[in-house]
Amino acid sequence: MSYSEQMKKCEAYIAEHLNEPITAAALAQQAGYSLYHFCRVFKALYGISPGEFVRRCKLRAAAQDLLQGSAVLETALEYGYDTHSGFTKAFEKEFGVAPIVYRKLRGERLMKVTIQNEKEFKVFGYVIETDDATEGGYWGKIDFSQYPQYPADCDDQGEVAMWIHPEKVSGELKYFFGYKTNDAAPSEGFEEIVIPAAQYAVFEVPAAENAAALAQQMNAAWKEIFSSWFDSVEYKYDETKMCFEFYKEEKSFIYIPVQ
């Protein structure tokens, strides 16, 4: 039996015993190799250690259980975590979001995606240079007291947050945050961005208890869209248009141009 075939048998063994302790030594014994040789072959084929592979498999299975309604502590114990906090820490490391937020995003948000055609519109706001390109909810890291206040009579129809203008050599982005408007020209200290007409997949992100929680949810939502949603639909990302976050009153959305 080839190494690849033997490792596939190990994968099957792991899948069948996710609710039990699984050690590298036990997997090596199943494969009929010494522990040293098994770990070398496994790392060469998978790029990670057997222990890390098992950890990820358990967490992905736990994520599916959460979506089926399992309680967080119950799920933690099922997959070998002694405490709620230990499971949450491991889960956040793997998925970028706490278990309860993951369930809320996957269980609610993706059912609220709609496809919409939007006309061109203008946004007045600030262009912020930064080397910390967190995908979603980056506004949570900005001290807006350093920037001009919105004009008192601004035609505010909601706020837009987006990454713009990639630097050609490094690929670094700038951040833009501002308000949608029909006004003719921006006030001093503001810049104008024109967002072209496009067809969008519009994701409504569930409300959060505070700004920090919302920023975390937005970041997780971006990851989910590009890691899972596009794989499940026939739509393709329209690279000629702009994607952005949109905030109106108590609601939050992510707009992804599609074709």
Foldseek 3Di string as FASTA:
>chain_A
DDLVVLVVVLVVVLVVPQQHDDDLCNSCVSSVHHSVVSQVSCCVVPVDGPVVVSLVVLLVVLLVVVLVPDDQQVSCNSRPHPDSVVSQVSNCVNQVDGSVLSNCCVNPFVVPKDKDWDAKFKWKWAKADDQPCQPFLCVVVDDCVVADDAPPPFAFQWKKKFWDDQDVPPRGTIITIGGTGPDDDDDPRIDMDMFHIAIWTKIKFDFDPDSVNVRSSGSSNVVCCVVPVVVVDPKDFDPVGGWIWIGDDRIIMTITGTD
